[in-house]
């Protein structure tokens, strides 16, 4: 089968022939591209299997014709290939009225937005919500999710002015451009009583600024750390709850239910995600595009 194969740690994958999986096989119609794919290939999350097919998620059909979203395929058979080997516990049915591009976007990215707002916090009573790192796909979904779930004032923050405008178009009540002389003051100016919930997708100094802008009793959920790892004074955390979130640390049953909730909203046309596709033969171009932090969900079509 044709596949995008990691041949050396830290390199972009090479498209070539690769052995086919022989059990729990899914025929891939669209694979997802994510920052975690690059992190895994770089060795940041442990030594990768060499050689192995890259890709941590996809959409496809099982041998009995069931259309599924699948997460964490069994190594060395990742999703950037014509066939992959799925983990049956992490294969979730996809309704026919949700197309492949949206269905894969609601996987790793969608769950990273939805689970913090539904399993780690409650925004149903009009709580104020800050999406820190609102300019990426997870942030875009989180803004929409917060509104759907009943949040009150939702503020998106990030560095890219153009992408922040898009965040506002998706439902943010206000946006804050980070990188000012006083990010904490800029964030506080939008919710003067302090934020009740923060979905933090970047960590680093922006997290410290967001922490200063929260109210006592706030919940802050960190999902990513692209801005680095800050030293957090204990006094600033007092009276707040800080949660470190990773989708796959939750039970598969929770991920399954959350994914069903997301595709249900997609079926009702209540979620919008900007997507783009590359062919498998252009896997290296897709890899490079992801490294440039695109504000769009990338799919790979075998």
C-alpha atoms as a PDB file:
ATOM      1  CA  UNK A   1       0.000   0.000   0.000  1.00  0.00           C
ATOM      2  CA  UNK A   2       1.046   3.634  -0.439  1.00  0.00           C
ATOM      3  CA  UNK A   3       1.861   5.420   2.813  1.00  0.00           C
ATOM      4  CA  UNK A   4       3.736   8.397   4.297  1.00  0.00           C
ATOM      5  CA  UNK A   5       6.541   6.740   6.243  1.00  0.00           C
ATOM      6  CA  UNK A   6       8.762   8.193   8.965  1.00  0.00           C
ATOM      7  CA  UNK A   7      12.288   7.040   8.079  1.00  0.00           C
ATOM      8  CA  UNK A   8      14.265   9.059  10.641  1.00  0.00           C
ATOM      9  CA  UNK A   9      13.504  11.023  13.808  1.00  0.00           C
ATOM     10  CA  UNK A  10      12.715  14.653  13.101  1.00  0.00           C
ATOM     11  CA  UNK A  11      12.289  14.314   9.346  1.00  0.00           C
ATOM     12  CA  UNK A  12       9.226  14.757   7.167  1.00  0.00           C
ATOM     13  CA  UNK A  13       7.728  11.449   6.045  1.00  0.00           C
ATOM     14  CA  UNK A  14       8.542   9.809   2.714  1.00  0.00           C
ATOM     15  CA  UNK A  15       5.730   8.478   0.517  1.00  0.00           C
ATOM     16  CA  UNK A  16       6.454   4.899  -0.528  1.00  0.00           C
ATOM     17  CA  UNK A  17       5.144   1.352  -0.446  1.00  0.00           C
ATOM     18  CA  UNK A  18       4.649  -0.119   3.020  1.00  0.00           C
ATOM     19  CA  UNK A  19       3.368  -3.428   4.364  1.00  0.00           C
ATOM     20  CA  UNK A  20      -0.387  -3.646   4.818  1.00  0.00           C
ATOM     21  CA  UNK A  21      -2.011  -4.294   8.193  1.00  0.00           C
ATOM     22  CA  UNK A  22      -3.692  -7.686   8.484  1.00  0.00           C
ATOM     23  CA  UNK A  23      -6.244  -7.170  11.263  1.00  0.00           C
ATOM     24  CA  UNK A  24      -8.648  -4.453  12.458  1.00  0.00           C
ATOM     25  CA  UNK A  25      -8.123  -2.871   9.058  1.00  0.00           C
ATOM     26  CA  UNK A  26      -9.729   0.407   8.062  1.00  0.00           C
ATOM     27  CA  UNK A  27      -9.620   1.755   4.506  1.00  0.00           C
ATOM     28  CA  UNK A  28      -8.713   5.416   4.949  1.00  0.00           C
ATOM     29  CA  UNK A  29     -10.696   8.077   3.088  1.00  0.00           C
ATOM     30  CA  UNK A  30      -9.105  11.063   4.868  1.00  0.00           C
ATOM     31  CA  UNK A  31      -6.349  11.336   7.467  1.00  0.00           C
ATOM     32  CA  UNK A  32      -5.937  14.265   9.830  1.00  0.00           C
ATOM     33  CA  UNK A  33      -2.784  16.335  10.287  1.00  0.00           C
ATOM     34  CA  UNK A  34      -2.032  17.730  13.732  1.00  0.00           C
ATOM     35  CA  UNK A  35       0.793  19.316  15.722  1.00  0.00           C
ATOM     36  CA  UNK A  36       1.029  16.066  17.695  1.00  0.00           C
ATOM     37  CA  UNK A  37       2.079  14.223  14.518  1.00  0.00           C
ATOM     38  CA  UNK A  38       5.140  16.458  14.241  1.00  0.00           C
ATOM     39  CA  UNK A  39       5.840  16.177  17.961  1.00  0.00           C
ATOM     40  CA  UNK A  40       5.703  12.381  17.829  1.00  0.00           C
ATOM     41  CA  UNK A  41       8.015  12.280  14.796  1.00  0.00           C
ATOM     42  CA  UNK A  42      10.502  14.629  16.469  1.00  0.00           C
ATOM     43  CA  UNK A  43      10.950  12.390  19.492  1.00  0.00           C
ATOM     44  CA  UNK A  44       9.485  14.969  21.879  1.00  0.00           C
ATOM     45  CA  UNK A  45       7.005  12.383  23.165  1.00  0.00           C
ATOM     46  CA  UNK A  46       9.308   9.364  23.241  1.00  0.00           C
ATOM     47  CA  UNK A  47      11.238   7.429  20.629  1.00  0.00           C
ATOM     48  CA  UNK A  48       9.088   6.838  17.536  1.00  0.00           C
ATOM     49  CA  UNK A  49       9.026   3.497  15.743  1.00  0.00           C
ATOM     50  CA  UNK A  50      11.294   3.622  12.679  1.00  0.00           C
ATOM     51  CA  UNK A  51      10.038   3.004  10.063  1.00  0.00           C
ATOM     52  CA  UNK A  52       6.363   3.646  10.693  1.00  0.00           C
ATOM     53  CA  UNK A  53       3.421   5.316   8.985  1.00  0.00           C
ATOM     54  CA  UNK A  54       2.693   8.752  10.452  1.00  0.00           C
ATOM     55  CA  UNK A  55      -0.757  10.024  11.416  1.00  0.00           C
ATOM     56  CA  UNK A  56      -2.782   9.778  14.610  1.00  0.00           C
ATOM     57  CA  UNK A  57      -6.340  10.050  13.277  1.00  0.00           C
ATOM     58  CA  UNK A  58      -8.497   9.505  10.247  1.00  0.00           C
ATOM     59  CA  UNK A  59     -11.841   8.698   8.677  1.00  0.00           C
ATOM     60  CA  UNK A  60     -12.464   5.436   6.862  1.00  0.00           C
ATOM     61  CA  UNK A  61     -14.512   2.290   6.498  1.00  0.00           C
ATOM     62  CA  UNK A  62     -14.025  -0.985   8.307  1.00  0.00           C
ATOM     63  CA  UNK A  63     -14.257  -4.391   6.636  1.00  0.00           C
ATOM     64  CA  UNK A  64     -18.033  -4.513   7.251  1.00  0.00           C
ATOM     65  CA  UNK A  65     -18.536  -1.099   5.627  1.00  0.00           C
ATOM     66  CA  UNK A  66     -19.019   0.928   8.812  1.00  0.00           C
ATOM     67  CA  UNK A  67     -17.848   4.528   8.436  1.00  0.00           C
ATOM     68  CA  UNK A  68     -15.733   5.518  11.435  1.00  0.00           C
ATOM     69  CA  UNK A  69     -13.487   8.156  12.889  1.00  0.00           C
ATOM     70  CA  UNK A  70     -10.435   6.486  14.404  1.00  0.00           C
ATOM     71  CA  UNK A  71      -7.907   7.802  16.912  1.00  0.00           C
ATOM     72  CA  UNK A  72      -4.454   6.421  17.729  1.00  0.00           C
ATOM     73  CA  UNK A  73      -4.128   3.661  15.117  1.00  0.00           C
ATOM     74  CA  UNK A  74      -1.861   0.771  16.073  1.00  0.00           C
ATOM     75  CA  UNK A  75       1.814   1.384  15.255  1.00  0.00           C
ATOM     76  CA  UNK A  76       3.428   1.049  12.753  1.00  0.00           C
ATOM     77  CA  UNK A  77       0.209   1.500  10.752  1.00  0.00           C
ATOM     78  CA  UNK A  78      -0.678   5.196  11.126  1.00  0.00           C
ATOM     79  CA  UNK A  79      -3.428   7.017   9.270  1.00  0.00           C
ATOM     80  CA  UNK A  80      -1.466   8.632   6.401  1.00  0.00           C
ATOM     81  CA  UNK A  81      -1.932   5.590   4.211  1.00  0.00           C
ATOM     82  CA  UNK A  82      -4.441   3.714   2.107  1.00  0.00           C
ATOM     83  CA  UNK A  83      -5.017   1.307   5.015  1.00  0.00           C
ATOM     84  CA  UNK A  84      -4.516   1.588   8.770  1.00  0.00           C
ATOM     85  CA  UNK A  85      -4.912  -0.669  11.792  1.00  0.00           C
ATOM     86  CA  UNK A  86      -7.402   0.816  14.202  1.00  0.00           C
ATOM     87  CA  UNK A  87      -7.873   0.364  17.910  1.00  0.00           C
ATOM     88  CA  UNK A  88     -11.521  -0.844  18.105  1.00  0.00           C
ATOM     89  CA  UNK A  89     -12.013   1.020  21.404  1.00  0.00           C
ATOM     90  CA  UNK A  90     -11.072   4.292  19.680  1.00  0.00           C
ATOM     91  CA  UNK A  91     -13.161   3.896  16.524  1.00  0.00           C
ATOM     92  CA  UNK A  92     -16.367   5.959  16.589  1.00  0.00           C
ATOM     93  CA  UNK A  93     -19.179   5.854  14.040  1.00  0.00           C
ATOM     94  CA  UNK A  94     -19.686   8.911  11.837  1.00  0.00           C
ATOM     95  CA  UNK A  95     -23.128   9.906  10.480  1.00  0.00           C
ATOM     96  CA  UNK A  96     -23.409  10.126   6.704  1.00  0.00           C
ATOM     97  CA  UNK A  97     -24.440  13.796   6.784  1.00  0.00           C
ATOM     98  CA  UNK A  98     -21.072  14.910   8.218  1.00  0.00           C
ATOM     99  CA  UNK A  99     -18.399  15.033   5.516  1.00  0.00           C
ATOM    100  CA  UNK A 100     -14.909  13.603   5.983  1.00  0.00           C
ATOM    101  CA  UNK A 101     -13.193  16.983   6.362  1.00  0.00           C
ATOM    102  CA  UNK A 102     -15.430  18.136   9.200  1.00  0.00           C
ATOM    103  CA  UNK A 103     -15.554  14.674  10.782  1.00  0.00           C
ATOM    104  CA  UNK A 104     -11.760  14.494  11.079  1.00  0.00           C
ATOM    105  CA  UNK A 105     -11.558  18.098  12.322  1.00  0.00           C
ATOM    106  CA  UNK A 106     -13.873  17.179  15.188  1.00  0.00           C
ATOM    107  CA  UNK A 107     -11.517  14.412  16.305  1.00  0.00           C
ATOM    108  CA  UNK A 108      -8.280  15.440  18.000  1.00  0.00           C
ATOM    109  CA  UNK A 109      -8.945  19.169  17.549  1.00  0.00           C
ATOM    110  CA  UNK A 110     -12.652  19.059  18.291  1.00  0.00           C
ATOM    111  CA  UNK A 111     -12.254  16.924  21.397  1.00  0.00           C
ATOM    112  CA  UNK A 112      -9.440  19.162  22.672  1.00  0.00           C
ATOM    113  CA  UNK A 113     -11.939  22.036  22.609  1.00  0.00           C
ATOM    114  CA  UNK A 114     -15.093  20.205  23.714  1.00  0.00           C
ATOM    115  CA  UNK A 115     -13.798  18.023  26.554  1.00  0.00           C
ATOM    116  CA  UNK A 116     -12.323  20.899  28.626  1.00  0.00           C
ATOM    117  CA  UNK A 117     -15.637  22.760  28.432  1.00  0.00           C
ATOM    118  CA  UNK A 118     -17.819  19.738  29.225  1.00  0.00           C
ATOM    119  CA  UNK A 119     -15.745  17.381  31.404  1.00  0.00           C
ATOM    120  CA  UNK A 120     -13.467  19.784  33.308  1.00  0.00           C
ATOM    121  CA  UNK A 121     -15.681  22.874  33.593  1.00  0.00           C
ATOM    122  CA  UNK A 122     -19.317  23.953  33.431  1.00  0.00           C
ATOM    123  CA  UNK A 123     -20.228  27.070  31.473  1.00  0.00           C
ATOM    124  CA  UNK A 124     -23.967  26.423  31.202  1.00  0.00           C
ATOM    125  CA  UNK A 125     -24.980  29.198  33.602  1.00  0.00           C
ATOM    126  CA  UNK A 126     -23.535  32.080  31.615  1.00  0.00           C
ATOM    127  CA  UNK A 127     -19.972  31.946  32.947  1.00  0.00           C
ATOM    128  CA  UNK A 128     -17.353  34.176  31.345  1.00  0.00           C
ATOM    129  CA  UNK A 129     -14.877  32.223  29.228  1.00  0.00           C
ATOM    130  CA  UNK A 130     -11.435  33.082  27.869  1.00  0.00           C
ATOM    131  CA  UNK A 131     -10.062  31.045  24.966  1.00  0.00           C
ATOM    132  CA  UNK A 132      -6.304  31.569  25.126  1.00  0.00           C
ATOM    133  CA  UNK A 133      -4.911  30.762  21.691  1.00  0.00           C
ATOM    134  CA  UNK A 134      -8.202  31.341  19.887  1.00  0.00           C
ATOM    135  CA  UNK A 135      -6.594  31.732  16.468  1.00  0.00           C
ATOM    136  CA  UNK A 136      -6.057  28.026  15.715  1.00  0.00           C
ATOM    137  CA  UNK A 137      -8.534  25.286  14.872  1.00  0.00           C
ATOM    138  CA  UNK A 138      -8.955  24.121  18.483  1.00  0.00           C
ATOM    139  CA  UNK A 139      -9.540  27.709  19.552  1.00  0.00           C
ATOM    140  CA  UNK A 140     -12.057  28.288  16.751  1.00  0.00           C
ATOM    141  CA  UNK A 141     -14.028  25.230  17.836  1.00  0.00           C
ATOM    142  CA  UNK A 142     -13.775  26.197  21.520  1.00  0.00           C
ATOM    143  CA  UNK A 143     -15.333  29.605  20.855  1.00  0.00           C
ATOM    144  CA  UNK A 144     -18.307  28.003  19.127  1.00  0.00           C
ATOM    145  CA  UNK A 145     -18.575  25.294  21.778  1.00  0.00           C
ATOM    146  CA  UNK A 146     -18.597  27.774  24.662  1.00  0.00           C
ATOM    147  CA  UNK A 147     -21.501  29.665  23.079  1.00  0.00           C
ATOM    148  CA  UNK A 148     -23.422  26.467  22.330  1.00  0.00           C
ATOM    149  CA  UNK A 149     -22.993  25.292  25.929  1.00  0.00           C
ATOM    150  CA  UNK A 150     -24.453  28.490  27.405  1.00  0.00           C
ATOM    151  CA  UNK A 151     -21.445  30.621  28.286  1.00  0.00           C
ATOM    152  CA  UNK A 152     -21.988  34.318  28.829  1.00  0.00           C
ATOM    153  CA  UNK A 153     -19.170  36.549  27.600  1.00  0.00           C
ATOM    154  CA  UNK A 154     -16.642  34.642  25.482  1.00  0.00           C
ATOM    155  CA  UNK A 155     -13.313  36.316  24.731  1.00  0.00           C
ATOM    156  CA  UNK A 156     -10.718  35.018  22.299  1.00  0.00           C
ATOM    157  CA  UNK A 157      -7.041  35.913  22.675  1.00  0.00           C
ATOM    158  CA  UNK A 158      -4.060  35.384  20.383  1.00  0.00           C
ATOM    159  CA  UNK A 159      -1.304  37.140  18.463  1.00  0.00           C
ATOM    160  CA  UNK A 160      -2.536  37.055  14.862  1.00  0.00           C
ATOM    161  CA  UNK A 161      -4.865  40.010  14.216  1.00  0.00           C
ATOM    162  CA  UNK A 162      -6.385  38.530  11.069  1.00  0.00           C
ATOM    163  CA  UNK A 163      -7.106  35.208  12.742  1.00  0.00           C
ATOM    164  CA  UNK A 164      -8.626  37.023  15.724  1.00  0.00           C
ATOM    165  CA  UNK A 165     -11.098  38.665  13.368  1.00  0.00           C
ATOM    166  CA  UNK A 166     -12.150  35.202  12.245  1.00  0.00           C
ATOM    167  CA  UNK A 167     -12.574  34.186  15.891  1.00  0.00           C
ATOM    168  CA  UNK A 168     -14.955  37.090  16.360  1.00  0.00           C
ATOM    169  CA  UNK A 169     -16.914  36.055  13.267  1.00  0.00           C
ATOM    170  CA  UNK A 170     -17.307  32.601  14.849  1.00  0.00           C
ATOM    171  CA  UNK A 171     -19.011  34.084  17.905  1.00  0.00           C
ATOM    172  CA  UNK A 172     -16.451  35.597  20.255  1.00  0.00           C
ATOM    173  CA  UNK A 173     -17.932  38.607  22.031  1.00  0.00           C
ATOM    174  CA  UNK A 174     -14.523  40.272  22.033  1.00  0.00           C
ATOM    175  CA  UNK A 175     -10.934  39.523  21.096  1.00  0.00           C
ATOM    176  CA  UNK A 176      -7.628  40.538  22.660  1.00  0.00           C
ATOM    177  CA  UNK A 177      -4.378  40.682  20.725  1.00  0.00           C
ATOM    178  CA  UNK A 178      -1.578  39.307  22.868  1.00  0.00           C
ATOM    179  CA  UNK A 179       1.939  40.704  22.883  1.00  0.00           C
ATOM    180  CA  UNK A 180       1.117  44.098  24.390  1.00  0.00           C
ATOM    181  CA  UNK A 181       3.031  45.737  27.215  1.00  0.00           C
ATOM    182  CA  UNK A 182       0.476  44.358  29.683  1.00  0.00           C
ATOM    183  CA  UNK A 183      -1.477  41.350  28.440  1.00  0.00           C
ATOM    184  CA  UNK A 184      -3.125  40.812  31.827  1.00  0.00           C
ATOM    185  CA  UNK A 185      -4.575  44.342  31.791  1.00  0.00           C
ATOM    186  CA  UNK A 186      -5.773  43.872  28.210  1.00  0.00           C
ATOM    187  CA  UNK A 187      -7.540  40.645  29.169  1.00  0.00           C
ATOM    188  CA  UNK A 188      -9.043  42.163  32.325  1.00  0.00           C
ATOM    189  CA  UNK A 189     -10.448  45.075  30.342  1.00  0.00           C
ATOM    190  CA  UNK A 190     -12.882  42.706  28.603  1.00  0.00           C
ATOM    191  CA  UNK A 191     -14.193  40.968  31.760  1.00  0.00           C
ATOM    192  CA  UNK A 192     -13.616  43.298  34.697  1.00  0.00           C
ATOM    193  CA  UNK A 193     -14.876  40.881  37.351  1.00  0.00           C
ATOM    194  CA  UNK A 194     -12.466  38.176  36.125  1.00  0.00           C
ATOM    195  CA  UNK A 195     -12.930  35.108  33.947  1.00  0.00           C
ATOM    196  CA  UNK A 196     -14.682  32.059  35.355  1.00  0.00           C
ATOM    197  CA  UNK A 197     -13.177  29.574  32.879  1.00  0.00           C
ATOM    198  CA  UNK A 198     -10.002  29.671  30.784  1.00  0.00           C
ATOM    199  CA  UNK A 199      -9.309  27.181  27.993  1.00  0.00           C
ATOM    200  CA  UNK A 200      -5.556  27.594  27.550  1.00  0.00           C
ATOM    201  CA  UNK A 201      -4.081  26.273  24.315  1.00  0.00           C
ATOM    202  CA  UNK A 202      -0.632  27.885  24.535  1.00  0.00           C
ATOM    203  CA  UNK A 203       0.611  28.110  28.187  1.00  0.00           C
ATOM    204  CA  UNK A 204       3.784  30.175  28.767  1.00  0.00           C
ATOM    205  CA  UNK A 205       3.616  33.846  29.695  1.00  0.00           C
ATOM    206  CA  UNK A 206       0.100  34.222  28.211  1.00  0.00           C
ATOM    207  CA  UNK A 207      -1.134  31.709  30.807  1.00  0.00           C
ATOM    208  CA  UNK A 208       0.291  33.861  33.615  1.00  0.00           C
ATOM    209  CA  UNK A 209      -1.471  36.896  32.163  1.00  0.00           C
ATOM    210  CA  UNK A 210      -4.728  34.951  31.922  1.00  0.00           C
ATOM    211  CA  UNK A 211      -4.326  33.681  35.478  1.00  0.00           C
ATOM    212  CA  UNK A 212      -4.038  37.278  36.694  1.00  0.00           C
ATOM    213  CA  UNK A 213      -7.304  38.046  34.879  1.00  0.00           C
ATOM    214  CA  UNK A 214      -9.369  35.286  36.537  1.00  0.00           C
ATOM    215  CA  UNK A 215     -11.788  35.482  39.437  1.00  0.00           C
ATOM    216  CA  UNK A 216     -11.561  33.461  42.636  1.00  0.00           C
ATOM    217  CA  UNK A 217     -13.065  30.048  41.959  1.00  0.00           C
ATOM    218  CA  UNK A 218     -11.987  30.037  38.305  1.00  0.00           C
ATOM    219  CA  UNK A 219     -11.061  26.870  36.432  1.00  0.00           C
ATOM    220  CA  UNK A 220      -8.153  26.976  33.987  1.00  0.00           C
ATOM    221  CA  UNK A 221      -7.627  24.037  31.607  1.00  0.00           C
ATOM    222  CA  UNK A 222      -4.297  23.836  29.785  1.00  0.00           C
ATOM    223  CA  UNK A 223      -4.311  21.812  26.552  1.00  0.00           C
ATOM    224  CA  UNK A 224      -1.087  22.876  24.796  1.00  0.00           C
ATOM    225  CA  UNK A 225       2.224  24.535  25.600  1.00  0.00           C
ATOM    226  CA  UNK A 226       3.395  26.131  22.378  1.00  0.00           C
ATOM    227  CA  UNK A 227       4.388  29.315  24.241  1.00  0.00           C
ATOM    228  CA  UNK A 228       6.601  27.450  26.706  1.00  0.00           C
ATOM    229  CA  UNK A 229       6.341  26.357  30.332  1.00  0.00           C
ATOM    230  CA  UNK A 230       6.066  29.167  32.886  1.00  0.00           C
ATOM    231  CA  UNK A 231       7.088  29.215  36.516  1.00  0.00           C
ATOM    232  CA  UNK A 232       3.728  29.662  38.275  1.00  0.00           C
ATOM    233  CA  UNK A 233       3.796  31.264  41.739  1.00  0.00           C
ATOM    234  CA  UNK A 234       1.603  29.282  44.112  1.00  0.00           C
ATOM    235  CA  UNK A 235      -0.031  32.444  45.418  1.00  0.00           C
ATOM    236  CA  UNK A 236      -1.467  33.153  41.968  1.00  0.00           C
ATOM    237  CA  UNK A 237      -3.125  29.696  41.855  1.00  0.00           C
ATOM    238  CA  UNK A 238      -4.761  30.008  45.264  1.00  0.00           C
ATOM    239  CA  UNK A 239      -8.537  29.807  44.952  1.00  0.00           C
ATOM    240  CA  UNK A 240      -8.296  28.520  41.360  1.00  0.00           C
ATOM    241  CA  UNK A 241      -8.335  25.049  39.818  1.00  0.00           C
ATOM    242  CA  UNK A 242      -5.737  24.241  37.152  1.00  0.00           C
ATOM    243  CA  UNK A 243      -6.245  21.131  35.013  1.00  0.00           C
ATOM    244  CA  UNK A 244      -3.804  19.679  32.499  1.00  0.00           C
ATOM    245  CA  UNK A 245      -5.843  18.105  29.708  1.00  0.00           C
ATOM    246  CA  UNK A 246      -4.992  15.408  27.163  1.00  0.00           C
ATOM    247  CA  UNK A 247      -7.776  13.719  25.194  1.00  0.00           C
ATOM    248  CA  UNK A 248      -6.381  10.201  25.522  1.00  0.00           C
ATOM    249  CA  UNK A 249      -5.993  10.403  29.296  1.00  0.00           C
ATOM    250  CA  UNK A 250      -9.777  10.205  29.529  1.00  0.00           C
ATOM    251  CA  UNK A 251     -11.525   6.838  29.156  1.00  0.00           C
ATOM    252  CA  UNK A 252     -12.329   5.734  25.613  1.00  0.00           C
ATOM    253  CA  UNK A 253     -16.027   5.729  26.550  1.00  0.00           C
ATOM    254  CA  UNK A 254     -15.826   9.436  27.414  1.00  0.00           C
ATOM    255  CA  UNK A 255     -14.083  10.233  24.127  1.00  0.00           C
ATOM    256  CA  UNK A 256     -16.708   8.212  22.238  1.00  0.00           C
ATOM    257  CA  UNK A 257     -19.602  10.060  23.856  1.00  0.00           C
ATOM    258  CA  UNK A 258     -17.959  13.451  23.361  1.00  0.00           C
ATOM    259  CA  UNK A 259     -17.298  12.726  19.686  1.00  0.00           C
ATOM    260  CA  UNK A 260     -20.942  11.714  19.250  1.00  0.00           C
ATOM    261  CA  UNK A 261     -21.972  15.031  20.790  1.00  0.00           C
ATOM    262  CA  UNK A 262     -19.747  16.936  18.372  1.00  0.00           C
ATOM    263  CA  UNK A 263     -20.884  15.176  15.213  1.00  0.00           C
ATOM    264  CA  UNK A 264     -24.469  15.615  16.415  1.00  0.00           C
ATOM    265  CA  UNK A 265     -23.890  19.370  16.492  1.00  0.00           C
ATOM    266  CA  UNK A 266     -22.235  19.156  13.079  1.00  0.00           C
ATOM    267  CA  UNK A 267     -25.288  17.363  11.707  1.00  0.00           C
ATOM    268  CA  UNK A 268     -27.369  20.285  12.960  1.00  0.00           C
ATOM    269  CA  UNK A 269     -25.004  22.722  11.143  1.00  0.00           C
ATOM    270  CA  UNK A 270     -24.014  24.358  14.438  1.00  0.00           C
ATOM    271  CA  UNK A 271     -20.237  23.987  14.059  1.00  0.00           C
ATOM    272  CA  UNK A 272     -17.977  25.448  11.374  1.00  0.00           C
ATOM    273  CA  UNK A 273     -14.354  24.492  10.744  1.00  0.00           C
ATOM    274  CA  UNK A 274     -12.137  25.732   7.927  1.00  0.00           C
ATOM    275  CA  UNK A 275     -10.416  22.804   6.224  1.00  0.00           C
ATOM    276  CA  UNK A 276      -8.034  22.083   3.373  1.00  0.00           C
ATOM    277  CA  UNK A 277      -6.750  18.916   1.721  1.00  0.00           C
ATOM    278  CA  UNK A 278      -3.474  17.573   0.378  1.00  0.00           C
ATOM    279  CA  UNK A 279      -3.031  14.368  -1.576  1.00  0.00           C
ATOM    280  CA  UNK A 280      -0.905  11.614  -0.061  1.00  0.00           C
ATOM    281  CA  UNK A 281       1.735  12.306  -2.706  1.00  0.00           C
ATOM    282  CA  UNK A 282       2.004  15.836  -1.282  1.00  0.00           C
ATOM    283  CA  UNK A 283       2.492  14.594   2.281  1.00  0.00           C
ATOM    284  CA  UNK A 284       5.734  16.531   2.719  1.00  0.00           C
ATOM    285  CA  UNK A 285       3.995  19.778   1.699  1.00  0.00           C
ATOM    286  CA  UNK A 286       1.239  19.094   4.229  1.00  0.00           C
ATOM    287  CA  UNK A 287       3.880  18.399   6.884  1.00  0.00           C
ATOM    288  CA  UNK A 288       5.604  21.705   6.181  1.00  0.00           C
ATOM    289  CA  UNK A 289       2.263  23.546   6.179  1.00  0.00           C
ATOM    290  CA  UNK A 290       1.442  22.161   9.630  1.00  0.00           C
ATOM    291  CA  UNK A 291       4.855  23.251  10.906  1.00  0.00           C
ATOM    292  CA  UNK A 292       3.947  26.820   9.890  1.00  0.00           C
ATOM    293  CA  UNK A 293       0.979  26.784  12.326  1.00  0.00           C
ATOM    294  CA  UNK A 294      -1.876  27.120   9.845  1.00  0.00           C
ATOM    295  CA  UNK A 295      -5.242  28.471  10.935  1.00  0.00           C
ATOM    296  CA  UNK A 296      -6.962  25.674   9.040  1.00  0.00           C
ATOM    297  CA  UNK A 297      -7.462  21.939   9.559  1.00  0.00           C
ATOM    298  CA  UNK A 298      -5.299  19.900   7.180  1.00  0.00           C
ATOM    299  CA  UNK A 299      -6.492  16.592   5.759  1.00  0.00           C
ATOM    300  CA  UNK A 300      -4.533  14.003   3.766  1.00  0.00           C
ATOM    301  CA  UNK A 301      -6.417  12.105   1.055  1.00  0.00           C
ATOM    302  CA  UNK A 302      -4.800   8.756   0.115  1.00  0.00           C
END
